[in-house]
Amino acid sequence: MTQLKGACIFGQSGGPTSVINASAAGVFQEALKQDCITAVYGAAHGIKGVLNEQLYDISKEDPYELELLKTTPSSALGSVRYKLKDLDEDDTDFKKILEVFKKYNVRYFFYNGGNDSMDTCYKISKYMQKVGYECRVMGVPKTIDNDLWGTDHCPGYGSAAKYIATSIMEIYHDAKVYDRGMVTILEIMGRNAGWLTAASVLAAYKGYGPDLIYLPEVPFDIDKFIEEVTKIYKKNNNCIVAVSEGIKDKDGKYISEYGSDLAKSKDAFGHAQLGGLAATLANFVKQKTGAKVRGIEFSLLQRCAAHLGSLTDVNEAYMAGQAAVQNAVQGITDKMVAFERAEGPEYKCNIKLIDLAEVANKEKKVPLEWITNDGTWISEKFIDYAMPLIQGESRPPMVEGLPRFAKLKKVLVSK
């Protein structure tokens, strides 16, 4: 097979994670080794960087800084939430992307993101095929939500799950120090899939977890919730609740909308902006019980905690980036890198490839059989699933007691 020679572009999209840059390191370090890849570019703010011709020359970066990407959180190149229109509706963006690809002789395109990012990948791949421009397009998975279809788990999830479980174990101790009782409500990310909130059961597995867990996979009843919280509070003089930000009532209305206007605003992909759920539920509980109530929103902390990263997660995120490049130069295109768990008692993660058409805009939810106790608890099957993903310690090198993160030069390409 004759190798395709040309430049590559790598972009990051969607919500950051603590290991998304480990995938960037995998792509960059592997691409720089490949003779058929003539230049390695990083797009500023995802697909917007391609459209605006804001491309960084990765060959100008210090190798040590690229290595530090493995333990640097968030999106080093900048991220974006930008939806490409359907080709039949408007091909303006696609024509511009093609123009840029031709101008810089881009023959490899790697895009790192979640559901919506795979949609972007898929559309670009189909357009390039339609116009006859040979370009290998590969999706690199990323999302703390763990909701990408077709993969056992997603880079970013293990570290976020580890942070959530650890933080809840710490909160557990703080919430029980006073002689006066308290209800603590923990709001955890998860729009339609409750994988992150389910990780709170790992804290309970160690003896320091919540009393109740609510996921968006099960309709939420506010009256039933108050009844369940009150029962535990009266019995124990304390109650800790873990709840997904995206829980909805039986009519599909976000519970966060009960007390906030945030959910009325939408992003480029039509998703409601969530937040404020813990405060909303805390007010309901306080009104009904008179108890002292504290609402805690984990917010961005759960996706940027590189100081508490899972080494398994970091290594797999890097492996995903490497695999995207290795498969592309071998002639593979139109795929997303995915993970497959090997059979047997020992955990092992293998690479597999999924058609972009199959994964774009699909969500993988927590199996209903893993949600127990009338929708308020998580089974041991989840614990068996999640425990291997949080193993190993990863943290940035420390300088004067503080983390040393990657500092990229971000030298813009000019033509």
Protein backbone atom coordinates (compact mmCIF):
# COMPACT_ATOMS: atom_id res chain seq x y z
CA MET A 1 0.00 0.00 0.00
CA THR A 2 1.31 3.45 -0.92
CA GLN A 3 1.29 5.68 2.13
CA LEU A 4 -0.64 8.92 1.95
CA LYS A 5 1.74 11.84 2.48
CA GLY A 6 0.58 15.12 3.94
CA ALA A 7 0.04 17.18 7.07
CA CYS A 8 -2.25 16.37 9.97
CA ILE A 9 -4.51 18.55 12.09
CA PHE A 10 -5.60 17.69 15.63
CA GLY A 11 -8.42 19.54 17.37
CA GLN A 12 -10.15 19.39 20.74
CA SER A 13 -13.86 19.98 21.20
CA GLY A 14 -16.56 20.00 23.86
CA GLY A 15 -16.13 19.95 27.62
CA PRO A 16 -12.56 19.50 28.89
CA THR A 17 -11.36 16.60 31.03
CA SER A 18 -8.31 16.02 33.19
CA VAL A 19 -6.84 13.65 30.56
CA ILE A 20 -7.88 15.16 27.22
CA ASN A 21 -4.33 16.46 26.80
CA ALA A 22 -2.97 12.96 27.30
CA SER A 23 -4.77 12.07 24.06
CA ALA A 24 -3.23 15.18 22.46
CA ALA A 25 0.20 13.97 23.57
CA GLY A 26 -0.53 10.57 22.05
CA VAL A 27 -1.50 12.11 18.71
CA PHE A 28 1.35 14.63 18.61
CA GLN A 29 4.17 12.34 19.69
CA GLU A 30 3.05 9.55 17.37
CA ALA A 31 2.41 11.86 14.40
CA LEU A 32 5.84 13.47 14.75
CA LYS A 33 7.40 10.00 14.34
CA GLN A 34 5.57 9.21 11.09
CA ASP A 35 7.52 9.86 7.86
CA CYS A 36 4.30 10.14 5.85
CA ILE A 37 3.01 12.96 8.06
CA THR A 38 4.82 16.02 6.76
CA ALA A 39 3.61 18.53 9.37
CA VAL A 40 1.70 18.34 12.65
CA TYR A 41 -0.76 21.12 13.38
CA GLY A 42 -2.99 21.83 16.37
CA ALA A 43 -6.23 23.71 15.72
CA ALA A 44 -7.04 26.60 18.05
CA HIS A 45 -10.49 26.00 19.56
CA GLY A 46 -11.36 22.91 17.59
CA ILE A 47 -13.03 23.17 14.22
CA LYS A 48 -13.17 26.96 14.60
CA GLY A 49 -9.38 26.96 14.35
CA VAL A 50 -9.61 25.21 10.99
CA LEU A 51 -12.27 27.59 9.71
CA ASN A 52 -10.29 30.61 10.89
CA GLU A 53 -6.90 29.20 9.84
CA GLN A 54 -5.57 29.43 13.37
CA LEU A 55 -3.22 26.47 13.37
CA TYR A 56 -0.29 25.86 15.72
CA ASP A 57 2.93 24.25 14.48
CA ILE A 58 3.46 21.43 16.97
CA SER A 59 6.99 20.75 15.69
CA LYS A 60 7.99 24.06 17.31
CA GLU A 61 7.03 22.82 20.77
CA ASP A 62 9.56 21.65 23.34
CA PRO A 63 9.35 17.83 23.65
CA TYR A 64 9.25 18.14 27.45
CA GLU A 65 6.17 20.35 27.25
CA LEU A 66 4.46 17.79 25.01
CA GLU A 67 5.28 15.14 27.60
CA LEU A 68 3.76 17.32 30.33
CA LEU A 69 0.47 17.31 28.43
CA LYS A 70 -0.13 13.87 29.96
CA THR A 71 -0.70 15.44 33.37
CA THR A 72 -2.09 18.83 32.32
CA PRO A 73 -5.88 19.24 32.60
CA SER A 74 -8.34 20.89 30.24
CA SER A 75 -7.87 21.53 26.51
CA ALA A 76 -4.37 22.85 25.82
CA LEU A 77 -5.35 24.01 22.34
CA GLY A 78 -8.65 25.49 23.44
CA SER A 79 -12.05 23.93 22.92
CA VAL A 80 -15.30 24.90 21.21
CA ARG A 81 -18.98 24.06 20.96
CA TYR A 82 -19.68 24.65 17.29
CA LYS A 83 -22.13 22.62 15.26
CA LEU A 84 -21.54 22.17 11.55
CA LYS A 85 -24.80 22.43 9.66
CA ASP A 86 -26.03 19.50 7.63
CA LEU A 87 -24.38 19.46 4.24
CA ASP A 88 -27.71 19.62 2.42
CA GLU A 89 -28.65 22.69 4.43
CA ASP A 90 -25.47 24.76 4.09
CA ASP A 91 -22.08 23.68 2.73
CA THR A 92 -20.27 26.96 3.44
CA ASP A 93 -18.21 25.63 6.34
CA PHE A 94 -17.33 22.45 4.46
CA LYS A 95 -16.03 24.40 1.47
CA LYS A 96 -13.87 26.48 3.79
CA ILE A 97 -12.51 23.36 5.54
CA LEU A 98 -11.65 21.83 2.16
CA GLU A 99 -9.93 25.06 1.13
CA VAL A 100 -7.81 25.00 4.28
CA PHE A 101 -7.00 21.30 3.91
CA LYS A 102 -5.81 21.88 0.35
CA LYS A 103 -3.84 24.99 1.28
CA TYR A 104 -1.88 23.17 4.00
CA ASN A 105 -1.95 19.77 2.28
CA VAL A 106 -3.83 18.24 5.22
CA ARG A 107 -4.38 14.53 4.64
CA TYR A 108 -5.02 13.47 8.22
CA PHE A 109 -7.63 14.94 10.56
CA PHE A 110 -7.97 13.88 14.20
CA TYR A 111 -10.78 15.26 16.34
CA ASN A 112 -10.97 14.71 20.09
CA GLY A 113 -14.36 14.94 21.73
CA GLY A 114 -17.68 13.39 22.68
CA ASN A 115 -21.00 12.74 20.95
CA ASP A 116 -21.31 16.08 19.16
CA SER A 117 -17.63 16.07 18.18
CA MET A 118 -18.04 12.67 16.53
CA ASP A 119 -20.91 14.21 14.54
CA THR A 120 -18.48 16.90 13.34
CA CYS A 121 -15.94 14.22 12.45
CA TYR A 122 -18.51 12.20 10.54
CA LYS A 123 -19.74 15.19 8.51
CA ILE A 124 -16.22 16.23 7.53
CA SER A 125 -15.32 12.68 6.54
CA LYS A 126 -18.41 12.32 4.36
CA TYR A 127 -17.83 15.67 2.68
CA MET A 128 -14.20 14.87 1.83
CA GLN A 129 -15.32 11.58 0.32
CA LYS A 130 -18.06 13.33 -1.63
CA VAL A 131 -15.70 15.85 -3.25
CA GLY A 132 -12.98 13.24 -3.82
CA TYR A 133 -10.35 14.74 -1.52
CA GLU A 134 -8.37 11.94 0.10
CA CYS A 135 -8.13 12.61 3.81
CA ARG A 136 -8.09 10.14 6.69
CA VAL A 137 -10.49 11.22 9.42
CA MET A 138 -10.35 9.66 12.89
CA GLY A 139 -12.31 10.42 16.04
CA VAL A 140 -10.50 10.29 19.39
CA PRO A 141 -13.00 9.72 22.23
CA LYS A 142 -13.29 12.05 25.20
CA THR A 143 -15.96 12.67 27.80
CA ILE A 144 -16.22 12.50 31.55
CA ASP A 145 -19.90 11.64 30.99
CA ASN A 146 -18.87 8.17 29.72
CA ASP A 147 -21.85 8.21 27.37
CA LEU A 148 -20.22 7.56 24.00
CA TRP A 149 -21.90 4.65 22.29
CA GLY A 150 -19.95 1.55 21.32
CA THR A 151 -17.01 1.86 23.71
CA ASP A 152 -16.68 0.13 27.07
CA HIS A 153 -15.70 3.45 28.64
CA CYS A 154 -14.34 6.86 27.64
CA PRO A 155 -11.06 8.65 28.40
CA GLY A 156 -11.75 11.19 31.11
CA TYR A 157 -14.32 9.16 32.95
CA GLY A 158 -12.00 7.17 35.22
CA SER A 159 -10.29 10.28 36.59
CA ALA A 160 -13.58 12.12 37.12
CA ALA A 161 -15.06 9.07 38.85
CA LYS A 162 -11.99 8.85 41.10
CA TYR A 163 -12.29 12.53 42.01
CA ILE A 164 -16.02 12.24 42.73
CA ALA A 165 -15.65 9.17 44.93
CA THR A 166 -12.69 10.65 46.82
CA SER A 167 -14.36 14.02 47.34
CA ILE A 168 -17.54 12.39 48.65
CA MET A 169 -15.50 10.32 51.11
CA GLU A 170 -13.98 13.59 52.37
CA ILE A 171 -17.35 15.39 52.45
CA TYR A 172 -18.80 12.44 54.39
CA HIS A 173 -16.40 13.11 57.25
CA ASP A 174 -17.05 16.86 57.25
CA ALA A 175 -20.84 16.48 57.10
CA LYS A 176 -21.00 14.41 60.28
CA VAL A 177 -18.89 16.42 62.73
CA TYR A 178 -21.62 18.47 64.44
CA ASP A 179 -24.15 17.34 67.03
CA ARG A 180 -26.84 19.05 64.98
CA GLY A 181 -27.93 16.99 61.99
CA MET A 182 -27.62 18.03 58.37
CA VAL A 183 -28.79 17.05 54.89
CA THR A 184 -26.07 17.36 52.22
CA ILE A 185 -27.03 17.34 48.55
CA LEU A 186 -24.25 16.75 46.01
CA GLU A 187 -24.88 17.82 42.42
CA ILE A 188 -22.76 15.88 39.92
CA MET A 189 -22.49 16.36 36.15
CA GLY A 190 -24.52 14.18 33.80
CA ARG A 191 -27.16 15.48 31.40
CA ASN A 192 -28.86 12.31 30.22
CA ALA A 193 -26.55 9.57 31.51
CA GLY A 194 -25.73 9.01 35.16
CA TRP A 195 -22.29 7.41 34.95
CA LEU A 196 -20.60 10.15 36.97
CA THR A 197 -23.19 10.21 39.72
CA ALA A 198 -23.11 6.42 39.85
CA ALA A 199 -19.42 6.74 40.82
CA SER A 200 -20.59 8.06 44.20
CA VAL A 201 -21.37 4.45 45.13
CA LEU A 202 -17.61 3.76 45.08
CA ALA A 203 -17.38 6.01 48.17
CA ALA A 204 -20.16 4.02 49.81
CA TYR A 205 -18.32 0.82 48.91
CA LYS A 206 -15.49 2.11 51.13
CA GLY A 207 -17.93 3.03 53.91
CA TYR A 208 -18.07 6.80 53.42
CA GLY A 209 -20.68 7.46 50.78
CA PRO A 210 -24.15 8.83 50.16
CA ASP A 211 -27.40 7.41 51.48
CA LEU A 212 -29.34 8.03 48.26
CA ILE A 213 -28.26 8.21 44.59
CA TYR A 214 -30.44 9.59 41.80
CA LEU A 215 -29.63 9.19 38.09
CA PRO A 216 -31.36 10.72 35.03
CA GLU A 217 -32.12 7.23 33.68
CA VAL A 218 -35.02 7.04 36.17
CA PRO A 219 -37.81 9.70 36.35
CA PHE A 220 -37.48 11.83 39.47
CA ASP A 221 -40.43 12.45 41.79
CA ILE A 222 -39.88 15.42 44.12
CA ASP A 223 -42.44 14.24 46.70
CA LYS A 224 -40.93 10.75 46.81
CA PHE A 225 -37.49 12.34 47.14
CA ILE A 226 -38.55 14.45 50.14
CA GLU A 227 -40.11 11.37 51.75
CA GLU A 228 -36.93 9.29 51.27
CA VAL A 229 -34.63 12.03 52.55
CA THR A 230 -36.84 12.73 55.57
CA LYS A 231 -36.96 9.05 56.53
CA ILE A 232 -33.18 8.71 56.54
CA TYR A 233 -32.64 12.07 58.24
CA LYS A 234 -35.01 11.23 61.10
CA LYS A 235 -33.36 7.86 61.56
CA ASN A 236 -29.70 8.96 61.36
CA ASN A 237 -29.86 12.69 62.09
CA ASN A 238 -27.97 13.03 58.81
CA CYS A 239 -28.46 12.32 55.12
CA ILE A 240 -26.14 12.62 52.11
CA VAL A 241 -27.63 12.60 48.62
CA ALA A 242 -25.81 12.29 45.27
CA VAL A 243 -27.81 13.50 42.31
CA SER A 244 -27.19 13.97 38.57
CA GLU A 245 -27.63 17.52 37.29
CA GLY A 246 -29.83 16.18 34.48
CA ILE A 247 -32.58 14.44 36.48
CA LYS A 248 -36.04 15.02 35.03
CA ASP A 249 -39.59 14.48 36.18
CA LYS A 250 -41.99 12.04 34.51
CA ASP A 251 -42.89 14.69 31.93
CA GLY A 252 -39.25 15.20 30.90
CA LYS A 253 -38.78 18.56 32.61
CA TYR A 254 -35.39 19.14 34.22
CA ILE A 255 -35.71 19.45 38.00
CA SER A 256 -33.17 22.28 37.83
CA GLU A 257 -35.81 24.23 35.91
CA TYR A 258 -38.02 24.18 38.99
CA GLY A 259 -35.86 26.86 40.55
CA SER A 260 -33.60 28.26 37.84
CA ASP A 261 -33.73 30.06 34.52
CA LEU A 262 -30.38 28.58 33.47
CA ALA A 263 -31.97 25.57 31.79
CA LYS A 264 -33.90 27.86 29.45
CA SER A 265 -30.72 28.89 27.64
CA LYS A 266 -29.30 26.53 25.01
CA ASP A 267 -25.86 25.94 23.53
CA ALA A 268 -25.01 25.52 19.83
CA PHE A 269 -26.16 21.91 19.91
CA GLY A 270 -29.51 22.73 21.52
CA HIS A 271 -28.54 21.46 24.97
CA ALA A 272 -29.99 23.23 28.00
CA GLN A 273 -27.50 24.83 30.34
CA LEU A 274 -27.86 23.01 33.61
CA GLY A 275 -26.80 23.99 37.11
CA GLY A 276 -28.29 25.10 40.40
CA LEU A 277 -29.99 21.76 41.05
CA ALA A 278 -28.35 21.24 44.46
CA ALA A 279 -29.57 24.64 45.64
CA THR A 280 -33.07 23.97 44.28
CA LEU A 281 -33.36 20.61 46.04
CA ALA A 282 -31.80 22.03 49.20
CA ASN A 283 -34.54 24.67 49.35
CA PHE A 284 -37.25 22.05 48.92
CA VAL A 285 -35.80 19.89 51.69
CA LYS A 286 -35.35 22.83 54.07
CA GLN A 287 -38.93 23.99 53.51
CA LYS A 288 -40.35 20.52 54.12
CA THR A 289 -38.13 19.34 57.00
CA GLY A 290 -36.67 22.42 58.65
CA ALA A 291 -33.31 20.64 58.71
CA LYS A 292 -30.00 22.33 58.10
CA VAL A 293 -29.29 21.68 54.42
CA ARG A 294 -26.17 22.24 52.36
CA GLY A 295 -26.14 22.02 48.56
CA ILE A 296 -22.78 21.37 46.89
CA GLU A 297 -22.28 21.65 43.14
CA PHE A 298 -19.14 19.83 41.98
CA SER A 299 -19.22 21.84 38.73
CA LEU A 300 -15.89 22.20 36.89
CA LEU A 301 -13.88 20.64 39.71
CA GLN A 302 -14.82 17.12 38.65
CA ARG A 303 -13.40 17.53 35.15
CA CYS A 304 -10.14 19.39 35.82
CA ALA A 305 -8.71 17.54 38.82
CA ALA A 306 -5.46 16.30 37.28
CA HIS A 307 -3.93 16.15 40.77
CA LEU A 308 -6.15 13.14 41.44
CA GLY A 309 -6.02 11.52 38.02
CA SER A 310 -6.34 7.81 37.40
CA LEU A 311 -3.12 6.46 35.90
CA THR A 312 -5.21 3.89 34.03
CA ASP A 313 -7.23 6.74 32.53
CA VAL A 314 -4.14 8.76 31.55
CA ASN A 315 -2.48 5.77 29.90
CA GLU A 316 -5.62 4.81 27.99
CA ALA A 317 -6.23 8.39 26.85
CA TYR A 318 -2.68 8.51 25.49
CA MET A 319 -3.17 5.10 23.86
CA ALA A 320 -6.32 6.35 22.12
CA GLY A 321 -4.41 9.24 20.55
CA GLN A 322 -1.60 6.96 19.45
CA ALA A 323 -4.01 4.43 17.97
CA ALA A 324 -5.80 7.10 15.93
CA VAL A 325 -2.54 8.05 14.20
CA GLN A 326 -1.29 4.50 13.78
CA ASN A 327 -4.52 3.35 12.15
CA ALA A 328 -4.80 6.42 9.94
CA VAL A 329 -1.35 5.98 8.42
CA GLN A 330 -2.25 2.35 7.74
CA GLY A 331 -5.13 3.51 5.56
CA ILE A 332 -8.02 3.51 8.06
CA THR A 333 -10.51 6.36 7.96
CA ASP A 334 -14.05 7.23 9.01
CA LYS A 335 -13.63 5.56 12.42
CA MET A 336 -13.58 6.42 16.11
CA VAL A 337 -11.06 4.76 18.41
CA ALA A 338 -12.90 2.79 21.10
CA PHE A 339 -12.12 0.55 24.06
CA GLU A 340 -12.98 -3.10 24.52
CA ARG A 341 -12.58 -4.87 27.85
CA ALA A 342 -10.83 -8.22 27.54
CA GLU A 343 -12.46 -11.30 29.04
CA GLY A 344 -10.98 -12.72 32.23
CA PRO A 345 -10.41 -11.79 35.87
CA GLU A 346 -7.61 -9.33 35.17
CA TYR A 347 -8.54 -5.97 33.69
CA LYS A 348 -7.15 -5.30 30.24
CA CYS A 349 -8.26 -2.66 27.76
CA ASN A 350 -7.95 -3.31 24.03
CA ILE A 351 -8.42 -0.94 21.11
CA LYS A 352 -11.22 -1.39 18.60
CA LEU A 353 -12.57 0.87 15.86
CA ILE A 354 -16.18 1.98 15.36
CA ASP A 355 -17.73 3.61 12.29
CA LEU A 356 -18.29 7.32 12.93
CA ALA A 357 -21.79 6.92 11.49
CA GLU A 358 -22.65 4.51 14.31
CA VAL A 359 -21.40 6.63 17.20
CA ALA A 360 -22.32 10.18 16.13
CA ASN A 361 -25.02 11.69 18.39
CA LYS A 362 -25.77 8.42 20.20
CA GLU A 363 -25.70 8.09 23.97
CA LYS A 364 -24.84 5.15 26.19
CA LYS A 365 -26.72 5.18 29.48
CA VAL A 366 -26.29 3.32 32.73
CA PRO A 367 -28.09 -0.05 32.38
CA LEU A 368 -31.39 0.06 34.24
CA GLU A 369 -30.60 -3.28 35.88
CA TRP A 370 -27.66 -1.55 37.61
CA ILE A 371 -30.04 0.96 39.24
CA THR A 372 -31.69 -0.55 42.31
CA ASN A 373 -33.82 0.23 45.37
CA ASP A 374 -36.59 1.91 43.39
CA GLY A 375 -34.16 4.24 41.65
CA THR A 376 -32.12 5.34 44.68
CA TRP A 377 -29.05 3.08 44.58
CA ILE A 378 -26.46 1.43 42.32
CA SER A 379 -25.67 -2.30 42.18
CA GLU A 380 -22.36 -4.11 42.65
CA LYS A 381 -22.20 -4.70 38.89
CA PHE A 382 -21.35 -1.03 38.49
CA ILE A 383 -18.64 -1.28 41.16
CA ASP A 384 -17.08 -4.21 39.28
CA TYR A 385 -17.24 -2.15 36.10
CA ALA A 386 -15.82 1.09 37.50
CA MET A 387 -13.15 0.04 39.99
CA PRO A 388 -10.52 -0.94 37.37
CA LEU A 389 -10.92 2.45 35.68
CA ILE A 390 -9.81 4.48 38.71
CA GLN A 391 -6.65 2.53 39.49
CA GLY A 392 -3.17 4.02 39.72
CA GLU A 393 -2.01 7.47 40.71
CA SER A 394 -1.25 10.26 38.26
CA ARG A 395 -0.34 13.81 39.13
CA PRO A 396 1.69 16.61 37.56
CA PRO A 397 5.28 17.18 38.68
CA MET A 398 5.34 19.61 41.59
CA VAL A 399 7.43 22.78 41.72
CA GLU A 400 7.51 24.77 44.97
CA GLY A 401 4.52 22.81 46.17
CA LEU A 402 2.35 23.55 43.12
CA PRO A 403 1.74 21.61 39.88
CA ARG A 404 3.85 22.23 36.80
CA PHE A 405 1.58 22.12 33.78
CA ALA A 406 2.53 22.18 30.09
CA LYS A 407 3.28 25.59 28.62
CA LEU A 408 2.89 25.45 24.86
CA LYS A 409 4.39 28.17 22.67
CA LYS A 410 1.45 27.95 20.25
CA VAL A 411 3.38 29.21 17.24
CA LEU A 412 0.87 30.02 14.52
CA VAL A 413 1.43 28.61 11.05
CA SER A 414 1.54 31.21 8.30
CA LYS A 415 1.22 30.63 4.55
